[in-house]
Protein backbone atom coordinates (compact mmCIF):
# COMPACT_ATOMS: atom_id res chain seq x y z
CA UNK A 1 54.82 22.25 -102.91
CA UNK A 2 58.27 22.73 -102.28
CA UNK A 3 61.59 22.69 -104.35
CA UNK A 4 63.05 19.23 -103.38
CA UNK A 5 59.75 17.13 -104.17
CA UNK A 6 59.08 16.43 -107.89
CA UNK A 7 55.10 15.59 -109.37
CA UNK A 8 56.76 11.94 -109.81
CA UNK A 9 57.29 11.71 -106.29
CA UNK A 10 53.62 11.87 -104.82
CA UNK A 11 51.37 8.82 -104.54
CA UNK A 12 49.65 7.42 -107.40
CA UNK A 13 47.31 4.78 -107.98
CA UNK A 14 48.90 2.92 -111.06
CA UNK A 15 46.36 0.51 -110.80
CA UNK A 16 43.00 2.30 -111.45
CA UNK A 17 42.79 3.56 -114.58
CA UNK A 18 39.49 6.04 -113.70
CA UNK A 19 42.23 8.27 -112.25
CA UNK A 20 43.92 10.71 -114.91
CA UNK A 21 47.73 10.50 -113.66
CA UNK A 22 48.39 13.04 -116.10
CA UNK A 23 47.14 16.05 -113.65
CA UNK A 24 49.62 14.82 -110.94
CA UNK A 25 48.98 14.39 -107.24
CA UNK A 26 45.22 13.63 -106.63
CA UNK A 27 44.36 14.51 -102.58
CA UNK A 28 43.50 11.42 -100.67
CA UNK A 29 40.05 10.80 -99.39
CA UNK A 30 39.01 8.46 -96.97
CA UNK A 31 36.29 7.11 -99.31
CA UNK A 32 38.69 5.70 -101.44
CA UNK A 33 39.46 2.91 -98.98
CA UNK A 34 35.97 2.23 -98.19
CA UNK A 35 34.97 0.75 -101.99
CA UNK A 36 31.76 1.23 -103.60
CA UNK A 37 30.03 -1.71 -101.80
CA UNK A 38 30.22 0.56 -98.28
CA UNK A 39 26.21 0.62 -97.93
CA UNK A 40 25.71 -3.28 -97.74
CA UNK A 41 23.99 -5.39 -95.24
CA UNK A 42 26.41 -7.25 -92.79
CA UNK A 43 24.25 -9.22 -90.95
CA UNK A 44 24.80 -12.89 -90.55
CA UNK A 45 22.67 -15.21 -92.67
CA UNK A 46 23.22 -18.99 -93.51
CA UNK A 47 22.11 -19.19 -97.15
CA UNK A 48 21.08 -22.47 -97.50
CA UNK A 49 20.64 -25.74 -94.98
CA UNK A 50 23.74 -26.92 -96.38
CA UNK A 51 25.94 -24.41 -95.18
CA UNK A 52 25.03 -25.45 -91.72
CA UNK A 53 27.06 -28.45 -91.81
CA UNK A 54 24.66 -30.24 -89.86
CA UNK A 55 25.64 -33.74 -91.65
CA UNK A 56 25.53 -36.62 -88.92
CA UNK A 57 29.40 -37.38 -89.26
CA UNK A 58 30.54 -34.27 -87.93
CA UNK A 59 27.86 -33.56 -84.95
CA UNK A 60 28.83 -37.13 -83.78
CA UNK A 61 32.64 -35.82 -84.07
CA UNK A 62 31.92 -32.71 -81.81
CA UNK A 63 29.91 -34.89 -79.59
CA UNK A 64 32.94 -36.84 -79.26
CA UNK A 65 34.97 -34.34 -78.33
CA UNK A 66 32.56 -32.56 -76.20
CA UNK A 67 32.35 -36.08 -74.29
CA UNK A 68 35.90 -36.28 -74.31
CA UNK A 69 36.23 -32.73 -73.07
CA UNK A 70 33.79 -33.09 -70.34
CA UNK A 71 35.46 -36.20 -68.97
CA UNK A 72 38.54 -34.83 -68.70
CA UNK A 73 37.44 -31.99 -66.80
CA UNK A 74 35.71 -34.36 -64.55
CA UNK A 75 38.58 -36.49 -63.90
CA UNK A 76 40.44 -33.13 -63.37
CA UNK A 77 38.00 -31.84 -60.88
CA UNK A 78 37.82 -35.56 -59.03
CA UNK A 79 42.06 -35.70 -58.76
CA UNK A 80 41.76 -31.63 -57.21
CA UNK A 81 38.85 -32.62 -55.07
CA UNK A 82 40.86 -35.25 -53.56
CA UNK A 83 43.90 -32.88 -53.33
CA UNK A 84 41.98 -30.41 -51.32
CA UNK A 85 40.85 -33.51 -49.29
CA UNK A 86 44.14 -34.42 -48.23
CA UNK A 87 45.73 -30.99 -47.96
CA UNK A 88 42.76 -30.06 -45.31
CA UNK A 89 42.75 -33.74 -44.08
CA UNK A 90 46.89 -32.91 -43.31
CA UNK A 91 46.30 -29.50 -41.94
CA UNK A 92 43.51 -30.55 -39.56
CA UNK A 93 45.76 -33.01 -38.20
CA UNK A 94 48.27 -30.54 -37.55
CA UNK A 95 46.19 -28.24 -36.12
CA UNK A 96 44.80 -30.88 -33.66
CA UNK A 97 48.77 -32.13 -32.72
CA UNK A 98 49.70 -28.31 -31.85
CA UNK A 99 46.68 -27.61 -29.84
CA UNK A 100 46.81 -31.27 -27.87
CA UNK A 101 50.50 -30.77 -27.40
CA UNK A 102 50.04 -27.43 -26.10
CA UNK A 103 47.51 -28.30 -23.90
CA UNK A 104 49.74 -31.50 -22.93
CA UNK A 105 52.39 -29.36 -21.90
CA UNK A 106 50.69 -26.97 -19.65
CA UNK A 107 48.82 -29.63 -17.89
CA UNK A 108 52.43 -31.07 -17.65
CA UNK A 109 53.51 -28.31 -16.11
CA UNK A 110 51.11 -27.58 -14.23
CA UNK A 111 50.81 -30.88 -12.79
CA UNK A 112 54.86 -31.31 -11.84
CA UNK A 113 55.26 -27.77 -11.16
CA UNK A 114 55.71 -28.15 -7.04
CA UNK A 115 57.86 -31.30 -7.89
CA UNK A 116 60.22 -28.79 -9.79
CA UNK A 117 60.06 -25.95 -7.81
CA UNK A 118 61.05 -28.70 -4.84
CA UNK A 119 64.13 -29.55 -6.83
CA UNK A 120 64.95 -26.23 -7.86
CA UNK A 121 65.34 -25.37 -3.75
CA UNK A 122 67.13 -28.33 -3.13
CA UNK A 123 69.90 -27.38 -6.19
CA UNK A 124 70.30 -24.11 -4.41
CA UNK A 125 70.73 -25.41 -0.81
CA UNK A 126 73.06 -28.12 -2.03
CA UNK A 127 75.18 -25.61 -4.32
CA UNK A 128 75.62 -23.08 -1.01
CA UNK A 129 76.36 -25.84 1.01
CA UNK A 130 78.90 -27.03 -1.41
CA UNK A 131 80.39 -23.63 -1.51
CA UNK A 132 80.15 -23.19 2.41
CA UNK A 133 82.20 -26.59 2.47
CA UNK A 134 84.95 -25.39 -0.01
CA UNK A 135 85.50 -22.24 1.74
CA UNK A 136 85.86 -24.59 5.34
CA UNK A 137 88.36 -26.80 3.70
CA UNK A 138 90.18 -24.19 1.92
CA UNK A 139 90.40 -22.49 5.19
CA UNK A 140 91.29 -25.65 7.05
CA UNK A 141 93.71 -26.26 4.16
CA UNK A 142 95.46 -23.17 4.93
CA UNK A 143 95.88 -23.09 8.46
CA UNK A 144 97.38 -26.83 8.05
CA UNK A 145 99.91 -25.14 5.97
CA UNK A 146 100.53 -22.24 8.80
CA UNK A 147 100.67 -24.72 11.15
CA UNK A 148 103.45 -26.62 9.67
CA UNK A 149 105.66 -23.58 8.12
CA UNK A 150 104.68 -22.74 12.27
CA UNK A 151 106.38 -26.10 13.37
CA UNK A 152 109.57 -26.20 11.20
CA UNK A 153 112.15 -23.72 11.65
CA UNK A 154 113.38 -22.10 8.87
CA UNK A 155 117.00 -22.06 8.01
CA UNK A 156 118.74 -19.73 5.61
CA UNK A 157 120.81 -20.81 2.97
CA UNK A 158 123.47 -19.03 2.31
CA UNK A 159 124.58 -19.01 -1.37
């Protein structure tokens, strides 16, 4: 041992009188923790019929507890089944609605496409006509102003 540790600071079992404390520190052995009954049979067995505790009152309590648990489980399973059924119905309704809406939109587009093309053509022709008329009107207005200016003699004002 080193100088800083003294004999009194080592671990000694004060409760066990068989070990001689006067010798000083004893080396640790794993067998000390296992105890004297290390070779016992550790298999499970009932010592008597009364130890099983099959009293009719306890059996009835256990049956009632199991019935309550089963009732709760069945209730929860039924409510979950209803939730799943409702969710599936809503998802199916939405999918059917979306599919039907898309088919209706495609059918309407196909049915009215010639009409829409005719309307677009007419709108384009009207825009072209309007542009042409505005330019003619603007030219006519410009010519009117020029004619007016030619008819009226200019007089210079002196300042």
